[in-house]
């Protein structure tokens, strides 16, 4: 299942408000990955992920129960399908799996319509 990818860099510039980001309630996973839950309803979640580790961070392999939509706000993300940069909008279909990697300074806005399931 190849993702649908569209760069939005030609349409707008992303500027993060560091003061506003600092006011969010971040969960630190202890490995350089932090998450802030922006909204949730039922199984749907809107999240921000920040990578603060010195080494590239590898997420756990997961399946998208209802798909995954994300926008790279800063930095880069790689997975089995490609490399995505700031301003890239990515849609992965229901049932798709991947194991993304990201470097320090990466911030990602993620929507999971029906959550995820960790896979081996």
PDB file of N, CA and C in Angstrom:
ATOM      1  N   UNK A   1       0.841  -1.185   0.000  1.00  0.00           N
ATOM      2  CA  UNK A   1       0.000   0.000   0.000  1.00  0.00           C
ATOM      3  C   UNK A   1       0.881   1.241   0.000  1.00  0.00           C
ATOM      4  N   UNK A   2       1.077   1.818  -1.134  1.00  0.00           N
ATOM      5  CA  UNK A   2       1.890   3.017  -1.247  1.00  0.00           C
ATOM      6  C   UNK A   2       1.103   4.222  -0.746  1.00  0.00           C
ATOM      7  N   UNK A   3       1.722   5.057   0.103  1.00  0.00           N
ATOM      8  CA  UNK A   3       0.991   6.213   0.629  1.00  0.00           C
ATOM      9  C   UNK A   3       0.721   7.283  -0.434  1.00  0.00           C
ATOM     10  N   UNK A   4      -0.286   8.070  -0.167  1.00  0.00           N
ATOM     11  CA  UNK A   4      -0.580   9.267  -0.954  1.00  0.00           C
ATOM     12  C   UNK A   4       0.226  10.399  -0.334  1.00  0.00           C
ATOM     13  N   UNK A   5       1.061  11.052  -1.123  1.00  0.00           N
ATOM     14  CA  UNK A   5       1.946  12.091  -0.608  1.00  0.00           C
ATOM     15  C   UNK A   5       1.778  13.348  -1.447  1.00  0.00           C
ATOM     16  N   UNK A   6       1.696  14.485  -0.767  1.00  0.00           N
ATOM     17  CA  UNK A   6       1.633  15.770  -1.480  1.00  0.00           C
ATOM     18  C   UNK A   6       2.397  16.791  -0.672  1.00  0.00           C
ATOM     19  N   UNK A   7       3.385  17.395  -1.269  1.00  0.00           N
ATOM     20  CA  UNK A   7       4.077  18.490  -0.604  1.00  0.00           C
ATOM     21  C   UNK A   7       3.186  19.723  -0.649  1.00  0.00           C
ATOM     22  N   UNK A   8       3.079  20.389   0.477  1.00  0.00           N
ATOM     23  CA  UNK A   8       2.294  21.623   0.563  1.00  0.00           C
ATOM     24  C   UNK A   8       3.192  22.856   0.668  1.00  0.00           C
ATOM     25  N   UNK A   9       4.507  22.641   0.510  1.00  0.00           N
ATOM     26  CA  UNK A   9       5.464  23.750   0.651  1.00  0.00           C
ATOM     27  C   UNK A   9       5.205  24.883  -0.328  1.00  0.00           C
ATOM     28  N   UNK A  10       4.636  24.564  -1.482  1.00  0.00           N
ATOM     29  CA  UNK A  10       4.355  25.610  -2.464  1.00  0.00           C
ATOM     30  C   UNK A  10       3.096  26.412  -2.112  1.00  0.00           C
ATOM     31  N   UNK A  11       2.320  25.940  -1.143  1.00  0.00           N
ATOM     32  CA  UNK A  11       1.068  26.608  -0.779  1.00  0.00           C
ATOM     33  C   UNK A  11       1.185  27.483   0.457  1.00  0.00           C
ATOM     34  N   UNK A  12       2.023  27.076   1.409  1.00  0.00           N
ATOM     35  CA  UNK A  12       2.161  27.865   2.632  1.00  0.00           C
ATOM     36  C   UNK A  12       3.475  27.544   3.327  1.00  0.00           C
ATOM     37  N   UNK A  13       3.846  28.415   4.272  1.00  0.00           N
ATOM     38  CA  UNK A  13       5.039  28.236   5.088  1.00  0.00           C
ATOM     39  C   UNK A  13       4.609  27.857   6.492  1.00  0.00           C
ATOM     40  N   UNK A  14       5.278  26.884   7.068  1.00  0.00           N
ATOM     41  CA  UNK A  14       4.963  26.460   8.419  1.00  0.00           C
ATOM     42  C   UNK A  14       5.916  27.148   9.387  1.00  0.00           C
ATOM     43  N   UNK A  15       5.335  27.865  10.348  1.00  0.00           N
ATOM     44  CA  UNK A  15       6.112  28.480  11.414  1.00  0.00           C
ATOM     45  C   UNK A  15       5.545  27.995  12.728  1.00  0.00           C
ATOM     46  N   UNK A  16       6.362  27.281  13.496  1.00  0.00           N
ATOM     47  CA  UNK A  16       5.902  26.765  14.779  1.00  0.00           C
ATOM     48  C   UNK A  16       6.068  27.828  15.857  1.00  0.00           C
ATOM     49  N   UNK A  17       5.097  27.897  16.743  1.00  0.00           N
ATOM     50  CA  UNK A  17       5.130  28.827  17.868  1.00  0.00           C
ATOM     51  C   UNK A  17       5.694  28.067  19.064  1.00  0.00           C
ATOM     52  N   UNK A  18       6.981  28.246  19.329  1.00  0.00           N
ATOM     53  CA  UNK A  18       7.642  27.491  20.388  1.00  0.00           C
ATOM     54  C   UNK A  18       7.025  27.735  21.756  1.00  0.00           C
ATOM     55  N   UNK A  19       6.580  28.957  22.029  1.00  0.00           N
ATOM     56  CA  UNK A  19       5.955  29.252  23.320  1.00  0.00           C
ATOM     57  C   UNK A  19       4.643  28.483  23.471  1.00  0.00           C
ATOM     58  N   UNK A  20       3.850  28.423  22.418  1.00  0.00           N
ATOM     59  CA  UNK A  20       2.587  27.676  22.466  1.00  0.00           C
ATOM     60  C   UNK A  20       2.858  26.177  22.590  1.00  0.00           C
ATOM     61  N   UNK A  21       3.850  25.685  21.877  1.00  0.00           N
ATOM     62  CA  UNK A  21       4.206  24.274  21.981  1.00  0.00           C
ATOM     63  C   UNK A  21       4.655  23.926  23.395  1.00  0.00           C
ATOM     64  N   UNK A  22       5.393  24.822  24.039  1.00  0.00           N
ATOM     65  CA  UNK A  22       5.879  24.577  25.404  1.00  0.00           C
ATOM     66  C   UNK A  22       4.731  24.492  26.408  1.00  0.00           C
ATOM     67  N   UNK A  23       3.610  25.136  26.110  1.00  0.00           N
ATOM     68  CA  UNK A  23       2.457  25.107  27.026  1.00  0.00           C
ATOM     69  C   UNK A  23       1.635  23.818  26.924  1.00  0.00           C
ATOM     70  N   UNK A  24       1.875  23.023  25.903  1.00  0.00           N
ATOM     71  CA  UNK A  24       1.143  21.768  25.768  1.00  0.00           C
ATOM     72  C   UNK A  24       1.603  20.761  26.820  1.00  0.00           C
ATOM     73  N   UNK A  25       0.729  19.813  27.134  1.00  0.00           N
ATOM     74  CA  UNK A  25       1.091  18.737  28.056  1.00  0.00           C
ATOM     75  C   UNK A  25       1.736  17.617  27.240  1.00  0.00           C
ATOM     76  N   UNK A  26       3.048  17.507  27.354  1.00  0.00           N
ATOM     77  CA  UNK A  26       3.817  16.533  26.592  1.00  0.00           C
ATOM     78  C   UNK A  26       4.058  15.296  27.434  1.00  0.00           C
ATOM     79  N   UNK A  27       3.889  14.140  26.832  1.00  0.00           N
ATOM     80  CA  UNK A  27       4.255  12.881  27.466  1.00  0.00           C
ATOM     81  C   UNK A  27       5.622  12.510  26.919  1.00  0.00           C
ATOM     82  N   UNK A  28       6.593  12.358  27.804  1.00  0.00           N
ATOM     83  CA  UNK A  28       7.948  11.993  27.420  1.00  0.00           C
ATOM     84  C   UNK A  28       8.089  10.484  27.558  1.00  0.00           C
ATOM     85  N   UNK A  29       8.393   9.798  26.463  1.00  0.00           N
ATOM     86  CA  UNK A  29       8.525   8.350  26.477  1.00  0.00           C
ATOM     87  C   UNK A  29       9.897   7.894  26.965  1.00  0.00           C
ATOM     88  N   UNK A  30      10.794   8.840  27.266  1.00  0.00           N
ATOM     89  CA  UNK A  30      12.096   8.507  27.818  1.00  0.00           C
ATOM     90  C   UNK A  30      13.136   8.085  26.804  1.00  0.00           C
ATOM     91  N   UNK A  31      12.795   8.121  25.539  1.00  0.00           N
ATOM     92  CA  UNK A  31      13.730   7.724  24.479  1.00  0.00           C
ATOM     93  C   UNK A  31      13.969   8.846  23.468  1.00  0.00           C
ATOM     94  N   UNK A  32      13.559  10.061  23.838  1.00  0.00           N
ATOM     95  CA  UNK A  32      13.693  11.190  22.923  1.00  0.00           C
ATOM     96  C   UNK A  32      12.423  11.495  22.152  1.00  0.00           C
ATOM     97  N   UNK A  33      11.368  10.691  22.368  1.00  0.00           N
ATOM     98  CA  UNK A  33      10.081  10.905  21.714  1.00  0.00           C
ATOM     99  C   UNK A  33       9.107  11.508  22.720  1.00  0.00           C
ATOM    100  N   UNK A  34       8.469  12.595  22.340  1.00  0.00           N
ATOM    101  CA  UNK A  34       7.446  13.233  23.164  1.00  0.00           C
ATOM    102  C   UNK A  34       6.163  13.350  22.350  1.00  0.00           C
ATOM    103  N   UNK A  35       5.013  13.231  23.040  1.00  0.00           N
ATOM    104  CA  UNK A  35       3.713  13.278  22.380  1.00  0.00           C
ATOM    105  C   UNK A  35       2.792  14.212  23.143  1.00  0.00           C
ATOM    106  N   UNK A  36       2.041  15.022  22.428  1.00  0.00           N
ATOM    107  CA  UNK A  36       0.988  15.858  23.013  1.00  0.00           C
ATOM    108  C   UNK A  36      -0.319  15.512  22.312  1.00  0.00           C
ATOM    109  N   UNK A  37      -1.314  15.141  23.081  1.00  0.00           N
ATOM    110  CA  UNK A  37      -2.636  14.820  22.530  1.00  0.00           C
ATOM    111  C   UNK A  37      -3.407  16.138  22.392  1.00  0.00           C
ATOM    112  N   UNK A  38      -3.729  16.510  21.166  1.00  0.00           N
ATOM    113  CA  UNK A  38      -4.440  17.766  20.904  1.00  0.00           C
ATOM    114  C   UNK A  38      -5.950  17.588  21.007  1.00  0.00           C
ATOM    115  N   UNK A  39      -6.442  16.432  20.587  1.00  0.00           N
ATOM    116  CA  UNK A  39      -7.883  16.158  20.631  1.00  0.00           C
ATOM    117  C   UNK A  39      -8.095  14.658  20.480  1.00  0.00           C
ATOM    118  N   UNK A  40      -9.196  14.184  21.055  1.00  0.00           N
ATOM    119  CA  UNK A  40      -9.576  12.792  20.852  1.00  0.00           C
ATOM    120  C   UNK A  40     -11.084  12.670  20.976  1.00  0.00           C
ATOM    121  N   UNK A  41     -11.624  11.739  20.211  1.00  0.00           N
ATOM    122  CA  UNK A  41     -13.051  11.453  20.243  1.00  0.00           C
ATOM    123  C   UNK A  41     -13.215   9.998  19.841  1.00  0.00           C
ATOM    124  N   UNK A  42     -13.692   9.175  20.784  1.00  0.00           N
ATOM    125  CA  UNK A  42     -13.763   7.751  20.509  1.00  0.00           C
ATOM    126  C   UNK A  42     -12.361   7.225  20.260  1.00  0.00           C
ATOM    127  N   UNK A  43     -12.177   6.532  19.157  1.00  0.00           N
ATOM    128  CA  UNK A  43     -10.857   5.990  18.807  1.00  0.00           C
ATOM    129  C   UNK A  43      -9.993   6.978  18.026  1.00  0.00           C
ATOM    130  N   UNK A  44     -10.583   8.087  17.582  1.00  0.00           N
ATOM    131  CA  UNK A  44      -9.837   9.068  16.790  1.00  0.00           C
ATOM    132  C   UNK A  44      -8.957   9.919  17.695  1.00  0.00           C
ATOM    133  N   UNK A  45      -7.722  10.162  17.239  1.00  0.00           N
ATOM    134  CA  UNK A  45      -6.788  10.986  17.997  1.00  0.00           C
ATOM    135  C   UNK A  45      -6.047  11.927  17.067  1.00  0.00           C
ATOM    136  N   UNK A  46      -5.878  13.157  17.533  1.00  0.00           N
ATOM    137  CA  UNK A  46      -5.052  14.154  16.859  1.00  0.00           C
ATOM    138  C   UNK A  46      -3.883  14.434  17.789  1.00  0.00           C
ATOM    139  N   UNK A  47      -2.662  14.146  17.302  1.00  0.00           N
ATOM    140  CA  UNK A  47      -1.474  14.176  18.152  1.00  0.00           C
ATOM    141  C   UNK A  47      -0.370  15.005  17.520  1.00  0.00           C
ATOM    142  N   UNK A  48       0.499  15.513  18.374  1.00  0.00           N
ATOM    143  CA  UNK A  48       1.763  16.081  17.935  1.00  0.00           C
ATOM    144  C   UNK A  48       2.866  15.186  18.473  1.00  0.00           C
ATOM    145  N   UNK A  49       3.838  14.862  17.638  1.00  0.00           N
ATOM    146  CA  UNK A  49       5.028  14.144  18.065  1.00  0.00           C
ATOM    147  C   UNK A  49       6.237  15.038  17.845  1.00  0.00           C
ATOM    148  N   UNK A  50       7.133  15.048  18.833  1.00  0.00           N
ATOM    149  CA  UNK A  50       8.408  15.759  18.715  1.00  0.00           C
ATOM    150  C   UNK A  50       9.525  14.779  18.998  1.00  0.00           C
ATOM    151  N   UNK A  51      10.558  14.844  18.201  1.00  0.00           N
ATOM    152  CA  UNK A  51      11.716  13.994  18.396  1.00  0.00           C
ATOM    153  C   UNK A  51      12.827  14.878  18.935  1.00  0.00           C
ATOM    154  N   UNK A  52      13.318  14.517  20.130  1.00  0.00           N
ATOM    155  CA  UNK A  52      14.344  15.311  20.805  1.00  0.00           C
ATOM    156  C   UNK A  52      15.608  14.509  21.072  1.00  0.00           C
ATOM    157  N   UNK A  53      15.683  13.267  20.594  1.00  0.00           N
ATOM    158  CA  UNK A  53      16.858  12.431  20.841  1.00  0.00           C
ATOM    159  C   UNK A  53      18.020  12.867  19.960  1.00  0.00           C
ATOM    160  N   UNK A  54      19.216  12.641  20.447  1.00  0.00           N
ATOM    161  CA  UNK A  54      20.417  12.960  19.664  1.00  0.00           C
ATOM    162  C   UNK A  54      20.563  12.003  18.487  1.00  0.00           C
ATOM    163  N   UNK A  55      20.181  10.757  18.685  1.00  0.00           N
ATOM    164  CA  UNK A  55      20.256   9.738  17.638  1.00  0.00           C
ATOM    165  C   UNK A  55      18.919   9.678  16.896  1.00  0.00           C
ATOM    166  N   UNK A  56      18.927   9.274  15.632  1.00  0.00           N
ATOM    167  CA  UNK A  56      17.645   9.091  14.929  1.00  0.00           C
ATOM    168  C   UNK A  56      16.747   8.145  15.717  1.00  0.00           C
ATOM    169  N   UNK A  57      15.490   8.471  15.792  1.00  0.00           N
ATOM    170  CA  UNK A  57      14.529   7.691  16.560  1.00  0.00           C
ATOM    171  C   UNK A  57      13.747   6.783  15.627  1.00  0.00           C
ATOM    172  N   UNK A  58      13.580   5.544  16.022  1.00  0.00           N
ATOM    173  CA  UNK A  58      12.789   4.593  15.252  1.00  0.00           C
ATOM    174  C   UNK A  58      11.510   4.315  16.036  1.00  0.00           C
ATOM    175  N   UNK A  59      10.377   4.596  15.413  1.00  0.00           N
ATOM    176  CA  UNK A  59       9.088   4.301  16.019  1.00  0.00           C
ATOM    177  C   UNK A  59       8.845   2.795  15.979  1.00  0.00           C
ATOM    178  N   UNK A  60       7.942   2.308  16.807  1.00  0.00           N
ATOM    179  CA  UNK A  60       7.547   0.910  16.751  1.00  0.00           C
ATOM    180  C   UNK A  60       6.720   0.669  15.484  1.00  0.00           C
ATOM    181  N   UNK A  61       6.908  -0.501  14.880  1.00  0.00           N
ATOM    182  CA  UNK A  61       6.103  -0.858  13.704  1.00  0.00           C
ATOM    183  C   UNK A  61       4.643  -0.916  14.147  1.00  0.00           C
ATOM    184  N   UNK A  62       3.765  -0.311  13.353  1.00  0.00           N
ATOM    185  CA  UNK A  62       2.350  -0.288  13.721  1.00  0.00           C
ATOM    186  C   UNK A  62       1.457  -0.357  12.492  1.00  0.00           C
ATOM    187  N   UNK A  63       0.240  -0.838  12.739  1.00  0.00           N
ATOM    188  CA  UNK A  63      -0.799  -0.932  11.706  1.00  0.00           C
ATOM    189  C   UNK A  63      -1.823   0.162  11.961  1.00  0.00           C
ATOM    190  N   UNK A  64      -2.306   0.767  10.893  1.00  0.00           N
ATOM    191  CA  UNK A  64      -3.303   1.837  10.990  1.00  0.00           C
ATOM    192  C   UNK A  64      -4.693   1.228  10.832  1.00  0.00           C
ATOM    193  N   UNK A  65      -5.431   1.191  11.925  1.00  0.00           N
ATOM    194  CA  UNK A  65      -6.742   0.544  11.904  1.00  0.00           C
ATOM    195  C   UNK A  65      -7.746   1.319  11.055  1.00  0.00           C
ATOM    196  N   UNK A  66      -7.573   2.621  10.946  1.00  0.00           N
ATOM    197  CA  UNK A  66      -8.456   3.427  10.115  1.00  0.00           C
ATOM    198  C   UNK A  66      -7.682   4.344   9.190  1.00  0.00           C
ATOM    199  N   UNK A  67      -6.414   4.036   8.979  1.00  0.00           N
ATOM    200  CA  UNK A  67      -5.559   4.900   8.182  1.00  0.00           C
ATOM    201  C   UNK A  67      -4.766   5.841   9.072  1.00  0.00           C
ATOM    202  N   UNK A  68      -3.904   6.610   8.459  1.00  0.00           N
ATOM    203  CA  UNK A  68      -3.116   7.612   9.175  1.00  0.00           C
ATOM    204  C   UNK A  68      -2.909   8.786   8.246  1.00  0.00           C
ATOM    205  N   UNK A  69      -3.059   9.976   8.790  1.00  0.00           N
ATOM    206  CA  UNK A  69      -2.816  11.207   8.046  1.00  0.00           C
ATOM    207  C   UNK A  69      -1.816  12.004   8.866  1.00  0.00           C
ATOM    208  N   UNK A  70      -0.737  12.442   8.226  1.00  0.00           N
ATOM    209  CA  UNK A  70       0.180  13.298   8.987  1.00  0.00           C
ATOM    210  C   UNK A  70       0.807  14.371   8.111  1.00  0.00           C
ATOM    211  N   UNK A  71       1.191  15.443   8.795  1.00  0.00           N
ATOM    212  CA  UNK A  71       1.829  16.596   8.182  1.00  0.00           C
ATOM    213  C   UNK A  71       3.146  16.823   8.908  1.00  0.00           C
ATOM    214  N   UNK A  72       4.238  16.867   8.159  1.00  0.00           N
ATOM    215  CA  UNK A  72       5.542  17.127   8.748  1.00  0.00           C
ATOM    216  C   UNK A  72       5.647  18.641   8.966  1.00  0.00           C
ATOM    217  N   UNK A  73       5.700  19.047  10.236  1.00  0.00           N
ATOM    218  CA  UNK A  73       5.775  20.469  10.575  1.00  0.00           C
ATOM    219  C   UNK A  73       7.212  20.968  10.608  1.00  0.00           C
ATOM    220  N   UNK A  74       8.146  20.079  10.941  1.00  0.00           N
ATOM    221  CA  UNK A  74       9.576  20.397  10.891  1.00  0.00           C
ATOM    222  C   UNK A  74      10.343  19.093  10.814  1.00  0.00           C
ATOM    223  N   UNK A  75      11.534  19.150  10.228  1.00  0.00           N
ATOM    224  CA  UNK A  75      12.379  17.971  10.149  1.00  0.00           C
ATOM    225  C   UNK A  75      12.004  17.030   9.018  1.00  0.00           C
ATOM    226  N   UNK A  76      12.408  15.779   9.184  1.00  0.00           N
ATOM    227  CA  UNK A  76      12.130  14.763   8.170  1.00  0.00           C
ATOM    228  C   UNK A  76      11.735  13.442   8.827  1.00  0.00           C
ATOM    229  N   UNK A  77      10.954  12.674   8.089  1.00  0.00           N
ATOM    230  CA  UNK A  77      10.534  11.337   8.500  1.00  0.00           C
ATOM    231  C   UNK A  77      10.820  10.403   7.332  1.00  0.00           C
ATOM    232  N   UNK A  78      11.317   9.214   7.639  1.00  0.00           N
ATOM    233  CA  UNK A  78      11.531   8.187   6.624  1.00  0.00           C
ATOM    234  C   UNK A  78      10.774   6.941   7.037  1.00  0.00           C
ATOM    235  N   UNK A  79      10.311   6.196   6.053  1.00  0.00           N
ATOM    236  CA  UNK A  79       9.763   4.864   6.308  1.00  0.00           C
ATOM    237  C   UNK A  79      10.063   3.992   5.096  1.00  0.00           C
ATOM    238  N   UNK A  80       9.453   2.832   5.048  1.00  0.00           N
ATOM    239  CA  UNK A  80       9.709   1.905   3.958  1.00  0.00           C
ATOM    240  C   UNK A  80       9.305   2.455   2.600  1.00  0.00           C
ATOM    241  N   UNK A  81       8.481   3.483   2.580  1.00  0.00           N
ATOM    242  CA  UNK A  81       7.934   4.010   1.334  1.00  0.00           C
ATOM    243  C   UNK A  81       8.659   5.245   0.814  1.00  0.00           C
ATOM    244  N   UNK A  82       9.415   5.945   1.695  1.00  0.00           N
ATOM    245  CA  UNK A  82      10.091   7.143   1.224  1.00  0.00           C
ATOM    246  C   UNK A  82      10.549   8.047   2.349  1.00  0.00           C
ATOM    247  N   UNK A  83      10.962   9.244   1.952  1.00  0.00           N
ATOM    248  CA  UNK A  83      11.414  10.278   2.881  1.00  0.00           C
ATOM    249  C   UNK A  83      10.499  11.477   2.719  1.00  0.00           C
ATOM    250  N   UNK A  84      10.035  12.021   3.842  1.00  0.00           N
ATOM    251  CA  UNK A  84       9.081  13.130   3.846  1.00  0.00           C
ATOM    252  C   UNK A  84       9.690  14.296   4.620  1.00  0.00           C
ATOM    253  N   UNK A  85       9.536  15.487   4.071  1.00  0.00           N
ATOM    254  CA  UNK A  85      10.144  16.684   4.637  1.00  0.00           C
ATOM    255  C   UNK A  85       9.087  17.664   5.124  1.00  0.00           C
ATOM    256  N   UNK A  86       9.565  18.702   5.772  1.00  0.00           N
ATOM    257  CA  UNK A  86       8.670  19.752   6.256  1.00  0.00           C
ATOM    258  C   UNK A  86       7.705  20.174   5.150  1.00  0.00           C
ATOM    259  N   UNK A  87       6.404  20.195   5.501  1.00  0.00           N
ATOM    260  CA  UNK A  87       5.382  20.588   4.544  1.00  0.00           C
ATOM    261  C   UNK A  87       4.766  19.427   3.782  1.00  0.00           C
ATOM    262  N   UNK A  88       5.309  18.215   3.957  1.00  0.00           N
ATOM    263  CA  UNK A  88       4.743  17.057   3.256  1.00  0.00           C
ATOM    264  C   UNK A  88       3.533  16.519   4.012  1.00  0.00           C
ATOM    265  N   UNK A  89       2.480  16.244   3.264  1.00  0.00           N
ATOM    266  CA  UNK A  89       1.228  15.682   3.771  1.00  0.00           C
ATOM    267  C   UNK A  89       1.190  14.234   3.306  1.00  0.00           C
ATOM    268  N   UNK A  90       0.985  13.307   4.252  1.00  0.00           N
ATOM    269  CA  UNK A  90       1.047  11.882   3.933  1.00  0.00           C
ATOM    270  C   UNK A  90      -0.231  11.201   4.410  1.00  0.00           C
ATOM    271  N   UNK A  91      -0.804  10.371   3.544  1.00  0.00           N
ATOM    272  CA  UNK A  91      -1.974   9.573   3.902  1.00  0.00           C
ATOM    273  C   UNK A  91      -1.647   8.104   3.686  1.00  0.00           C
ATOM    274  N   UNK A  92      -1.821   7.308   4.738  1.00  0.00           N
ATOM    275  CA  UNK A  92      -1.649   5.857   4.665  1.00  0.00           C
ATOM    276  C   UNK A  92      -3.016   5.216   4.861  1.00  0.00           C
ATOM    277  N   UNK A  93      -3.348   4.254   4.008  1.00  0.00           N
ATOM    278  CA  UNK A  93      -4.665   3.618   4.017  1.00  0.00           C
ATOM    279  C   UNK A  93      -4.899   2.742   5.245  1.00  0.00           C
ATOM    280  N   UNK A  94      -6.166   2.471   5.502  1.00  0.00           N
ATOM    281  CA  UNK A  94      -6.565   1.526   6.546  1.00  0.00           C
ATOM    282  C   UNK A  94      -5.846   0.197   6.311  1.00  0.00           C
ATOM    283  N   UNK A  95      -5.296  -0.373   7.388  1.00  0.00           N
ATOM    284  CA  UNK A  95      -4.608  -1.653   7.299  1.00  0.00           C
ATOM    285  C   UNK A  95      -3.149  -1.562   6.902  1.00  0.00           C
ATOM    286  N   UNK A  96      -2.677  -0.379   6.536  1.00  0.00           N
ATOM    287  CA  UNK A  96      -1.271  -0.229   6.169  1.00  0.00           C
ATOM    288  C   UNK A  96      -0.394  -0.308   7.421  1.00  0.00           C
ATOM    289  N   UNK A  97       0.853  -0.715   7.219  1.00  0.00           N
ATOM    290  CA  UNK A  97       1.820  -0.756   8.316  1.00  0.00           C
ATOM    291  C   UNK A  97       3.087  -0.037   7.886  1.00  0.00           C
ATOM    292  N   UNK A  98       3.796   0.487   8.867  1.00  0.00           N
ATOM    293  CA  UNK A  98       5.122   1.054   8.597  1.00  0.00           C
ATOM    294  C   UNK A  98       5.874   1.214   9.906  1.00  0.00           C
ATOM    295  N   UNK A  99       7.172   1.506   9.775  1.00  0.00           N
ATOM    296  CA  UNK A  99       8.030   1.752  10.925  1.00  0.00           C
ATOM    297  C   UNK A  99       8.840   3.010  10.624  1.00  0.00           C
ATOM    298  N   UNK A 100       8.266   4.182  10.929  1.00  0.00           N
ATOM    299  CA  UNK A 100       8.950   5.427  10.594  1.00  0.00           C
ATOM    300  C   UNK A 100      10.182   5.679  11.469  1.00  0.00           C
ATOM    301  N   UNK A 101      11.070   6.504  10.925  1.00  0.00           N
ATOM    302  CA  UNK A 101      12.262   6.975  11.610  1.00  0.00           C
ATOM    303  C   UNK A 101      12.315   8.480  11.447  1.00  0.00           C
ATOM    304  N   UNK A 102      12.820   9.159  12.468  1.00  0.00           N
ATOM    305  CA  UNK A 102      12.905  10.618  12.399  1.00  0.00           C
ATOM    306  C   UNK A 102      14.113  11.097  13.186  1.00  0.00           C
ATOM    307  N   UNK A 103      14.607  12.261  12.832  1.00  0.00           N
ATOM    308  CA  UNK A 103      15.774  12.847  13.474  1.00  0.00           C
ATOM    309  C   UNK A 103      15.364  13.953  14.447  1.00  0.00           C
ATOM    310  N   UNK A 104      16.313  14.315  15.305  1.00  0.00           N
ATOM    311  CA  UNK A 104      16.112  15.386  16.280  1.00  0.00           C
ATOM    312  C   UNK A 104      15.565  16.633  15.576  1.00  0.00           C
ATOM    313  N   UNK A 105      14.607  17.287  16.222  1.00  0.00           N
ATOM    314  CA  UNK A 105      14.038  18.512  15.683  1.00  0.00           C
ATOM    315  C   UNK A 105      12.820  18.284  14.805  1.00  0.00           C
ATOM    316  N   UNK A 106      12.403  17.043  14.661  1.00  0.00           N
ATOM    317  CA  UNK A 106      11.237  16.739  13.839  1.00  0.00           C
ATOM    318  C   UNK A 106       9.964  16.884  14.672  1.00  0.00           C
ATOM    319  N   UNK A 107       8.980  17.555  14.108  1.00  0.00           N
ATOM    320  CA  UNK A 107       7.655  17.688  14.725  1.00  0.00           C
ATOM    321  C   UNK A 107       6.627  17.259  13.685  1.00  0.00           C
ATOM    322  N   UNK A 108       5.701  16.380  14.114  1.00  0.00           N
ATOM    323  CA  UNK A 108       4.732  15.787  13.199  1.00  0.00           C
ATOM    324  C   UNK A 108       3.332  15.937  13.781  1.00  0.00           C
ATOM    325  N   UNK A 109       2.393  16.400  12.970  1.00  0.00           N
ATOM    326  CA  UNK A 109       0.979  16.432  13.325  1.00  0.00           C
ATOM    327  C   UNK A 109       0.342  15.175  12.746  1.00  0.00           C
ATOM    328  N   UNK A 110      -0.262  14.347  13.613  1.00  0.00           N
ATOM    329  CA  UNK A 110      -0.768  13.036  13.195  1.00  0.00           C
ATOM    330  C   UNK A 110      -2.249  12.907  13.533  1.00  0.00           C
ATOM    331  N   UNK A 111      -3.030  12.385  12.588  1.00  0.00           N
ATOM    332  CA  UNK A 111      -4.434  12.030  12.829  1.00  0.00           C
ATOM    333  C   UNK A 111      -4.583  10.538  12.609  1.00  0.00           C
ATOM    334  N   UNK A 112      -5.062   9.851  13.649  1.00  0.00           N
ATOM    335  CA  UNK A 112      -5.424   8.440  13.551  1.00  0.00           C
ATOM    336  C   UNK A 112      -6.928   8.349  13.701  1.00  0.00           C
ATOM    337  N   UNK A 113      -7.672   8.124  12.632  1.00  0.00           N
ATOM    338  CA  UNK A 113      -9.138   8.050  12.724  1.00  0.00           C
ATOM    339  C   UNK A 113      -9.646   6.906  13.613  1.00  0.00           C
ATOM    340  N   UNK A 114      -8.910   5.777  13.635  1.00  0.00           N
ATOM    341  CA  UNK A 114      -9.343   4.627  14.433  1.00  0.00           C
ATOM    342  C   UNK A 114      -8.200   3.999  15.214  1.00  0.00           C
ATOM    343  N   UNK A 115      -7.190   4.756  15.530  1.00  0.00           N
ATOM    344  CA  UNK A 115      -6.085   4.247  16.322  1.00  0.00           C
ATOM    345  C   UNK A 115      -5.123   3.377  15.543  1.00  0.00           C
ATOM    346  N   UNK A 116      -4.211   2.770  16.299  1.00  0.00           N
ATOM    347  CA  UNK A 116      -3.201   1.892  15.721  1.00  0.00           C
ATOM    348  C   UNK A 116      -3.116   0.601  16.525  1.00  0.00           C
ATOM    349  N   UNK A 117      -2.410  -0.365  15.934  1.00  0.00           N
ATOM    350  CA  UNK A 117      -2.105  -1.604  16.628  1.00  0.00           C
ATOM    351  C   UNK A 117      -0.631  -1.887  16.378  1.00  0.00           C
ATOM    352  N   UNK A 118       0.126  -2.129  17.465  1.00  0.00           N
ATOM    353  CA  UNK A 118       1.546  -2.461  17.315  1.00  0.00           C
ATOM    354  C   UNK A 118       1.672  -3.855  16.708  1.00  0.00           C
ATOM    355  N   UNK A 119       2.629  -4.008  15.782  1.00  0.00           N
ATOM    356  CA  UNK A 119       2.849  -5.296  15.126  1.00  0.00           C
ATOM    357  C   UNK A 119       4.332  -5.632  15.210  1.00  0.00           C
ATOM    358  N   UNK A 120       4.643  -6.913  15.036  1.00  0.00           N
ATOM    359  CA  UNK A 120       6.047  -7.364  15.081  1.00  0.00           C
ATOM    360  C   UNK A 120       6.739  -7.124  13.773  1.00  0.00           C
TER     361      UNK A 120
END
